Amino acid sequence: MGRGGPTPAADGIARCERLRVEAPGNRIVERAVLPALAGLLAMTGDFDNARQRLVEHGRLCEELGLRLDAAEGAIVAGLVELLATDAAAAETALARAVTDLQAMGERSN
């Protein structure tokens, strides 16, 4: 900490995992950490693990009724798929996020 500049993905993964260990069973922490963890895992090429973290995130958002957070997960899924060089899967995930956000009345100007 305090170095300035970007944090290497491996360090970010370790921080996310540490947060999960320090707050076992805390669904709010999990909801916040899982998309970040997924993105970091994808940056290291661990796409299957990244996708699994997003599945966990989606399930948790559904349980908690957090539609906006679920859409955030779909956006991260799109980025994961772009890193995995699967443009079709990225388009599907991002289109789902747009549809969900529009259904909630969200819009960007």
Protein backbone atom coordinates (compact mmCIF):
# COMPACT_ATOMS: atom_id res chain seq x y z
CA MET A 1 0.00 0.00 0.00
CA GLY A 2 1.00 3.59 -0.47
CA ARG A 3 3.25 2.87 -3.46
CA GLY A 4 1.07 4.78 -5.87
CA GLY A 5 0.27 3.51 -9.32
CA PRO A 6 -1.55 0.37 -10.32
CA THR A 7 -1.62 -2.72 -8.13
CA PRO A 8 -0.49 -5.93 -9.83
CA ALA A 9 -3.39 -8.32 -10.45
CA ALA A 10 -1.88 -11.02 -8.23
CA ASP A 11 -1.73 -8.56 -5.31
CA GLY A 12 -5.33 -7.52 -5.93
CA ILE A 13 -6.44 -11.15 -5.99
CA ALA A 14 -4.68 -11.75 -2.67
CA ARG A 15 -6.39 -8.69 -1.16
CA CYS A 16 -9.81 -9.84 -2.37
CA GLU A 17 -9.27 -13.33 -1.00
CA ARG A 18 -8.09 -11.88 2.31
CA LEU A 19 -11.29 -9.80 2.55
CA ARG A 20 -13.36 -12.91 1.95
CA VAL A 21 -11.49 -14.80 4.70
CA GLU A 22 -11.78 -11.89 7.13
CA ALA A 23 -15.54 -11.62 6.63
CA PRO A 24 -16.77 -15.21 6.32
CA GLY A 25 -20.43 -15.45 5.42
CA ASN A 26 -20.79 -11.69 5.02
CA ARG A 27 -22.90 -11.51 1.87
CA ILE A 28 -22.44 -7.76 1.50
CA VAL A 29 -18.65 -8.15 1.41
CA GLU A 30 -18.99 -11.04 -1.03
CA ARG A 31 -21.27 -8.97 -3.25
CA ALA A 32 -18.69 -6.20 -3.37
CA VAL A 33 -15.58 -8.35 -3.75
CA LEU A 34 -16.66 -10.98 -6.30
CA PRO A 35 -16.83 -8.75 -9.43
CA ALA A 36 -13.44 -7.22 -8.63
CA LEU A 37 -11.98 -10.65 -8.01
CA ALA A 38 -13.42 -11.92 -11.29
CA GLY A 39 -11.88 -9.07 -13.23
CA LEU A 40 -8.50 -9.58 -11.61
CA LEU A 41 -8.59 -13.32 -12.24
CA ALA A 42 -9.37 -12.66 -15.89
CA MET A 43 -6.39 -10.32 -16.09
CA THR A 44 -4.19 -13.27 -15.11
CA GLY A 45 -5.83 -15.55 -17.69
CA ASP A 46 -7.83 -17.59 -15.15
CA PHE A 47 -11.09 -17.23 -17.08
CA ASP A 48 -12.89 -20.27 -15.70
CA ASN A 49 -12.35 -19.12 -12.12
CA ALA A 50 -13.37 -15.57 -13.08
CA ARG A 51 -16.59 -16.85 -14.61
CA GLN A 52 -17.33 -18.95 -11.52
CA ARG A 53 -16.92 -15.89 -9.26
CA LEU A 54 -19.45 -14.07 -11.46
CA VAL A 55 -21.89 -16.97 -11.18
CA GLU A 56 -21.55 -16.71 -7.39
CA HIS A 57 -22.10 -12.95 -7.63
CA GLY A 58 -25.22 -13.39 -9.75
CA ARG A 59 -26.68 -15.93 -7.35
CA LEU A 60 -25.98 -13.66 -4.40
CA CYS A 61 -27.51 -10.63 -6.11
CA GLU A 62 -30.60 -12.65 -6.93
CA GLU A 63 -30.92 -13.82 -3.31
CA LEU A 64 -30.55 -10.25 -2.04
CA GLY A 65 -32.72 -8.68 -4.76
CA LEU A 66 -29.88 -6.46 -5.97
CA ARG A 67 -30.76 -5.93 -9.62
CA LEU A 68 -28.36 -3.03 -10.19
CA ASP A 69 -25.48 -5.00 -8.72
CA ALA A 70 -26.40 -7.96 -10.92
CA ALA A 71 -26.13 -5.68 -13.96
CA GLU A 72 -22.68 -4.63 -12.72
CA GLY A 73 -21.74 -8.31 -12.71
CA ALA A 74 -22.93 -8.64 -16.31
CA ILE A 75 -20.71 -5.71 -17.30
CA VAL A 76 -17.73 -7.36 -15.62
CA ALA A 77 -18.67 -10.60 -17.41
CA GLY A 78 -18.42 -8.72 -20.69
CA LEU A 79 -14.96 -7.49 -19.79
CA VAL A 80 -13.90 -11.00 -18.72
CA GLU A 81 -15.02 -12.36 -22.08
CA LEU A 82 -13.19 -9.62 -23.95
CA LEU A 83 -10.01 -10.57 -22.09
CA ALA A 84 -10.73 -14.20 -23.01
CA THR A 85 -11.03 -13.03 -26.65
CA ASP A 86 -14.62 -14.26 -26.91
CA ALA A 87 -16.31 -11.26 -28.51
CA ALA A 88 -19.64 -13.06 -28.97
CA ALA A 89 -19.86 -13.96 -25.25
CA ALA A 90 -18.84 -10.41 -24.34
CA GLU A 91 -21.58 -8.99 -26.56
CA THR A 92 -24.15 -11.32 -24.98
CA ALA A 93 -23.15 -10.34 -21.43
CA LEU A 94 -23.07 -6.62 -22.20
CA ALA A 95 -26.41 -6.75 -24.04
CA ARG A 96 -27.92 -8.45 -20.97
CA ALA A 97 -26.55 -5.64 -18.79
CA VAL A 98 -28.00 -2.97 -21.08
CA THR A 99 -31.40 -4.69 -21.18
CA ASP A 100 -31.46 -5.07 -17.39
CA LEU A 101 -30.39 -1.46 -16.81
CA GLN A 102 -32.99 -0.14 -19.24
CA ALA A 103 -35.68 -2.22 -17.55
CA MET A 104 -34.75 -0.52 -14.27
CA GLY A 105 -35.06 2.90 -15.87
CA GLU A 106 -31.31 3.53 -15.83
CA ARG A 107 -29.93 5.59 -18.67
CA SER A 108 -26.75 7.34 -19.58
CA ASN A 109 -26.63 10.77 -21.14
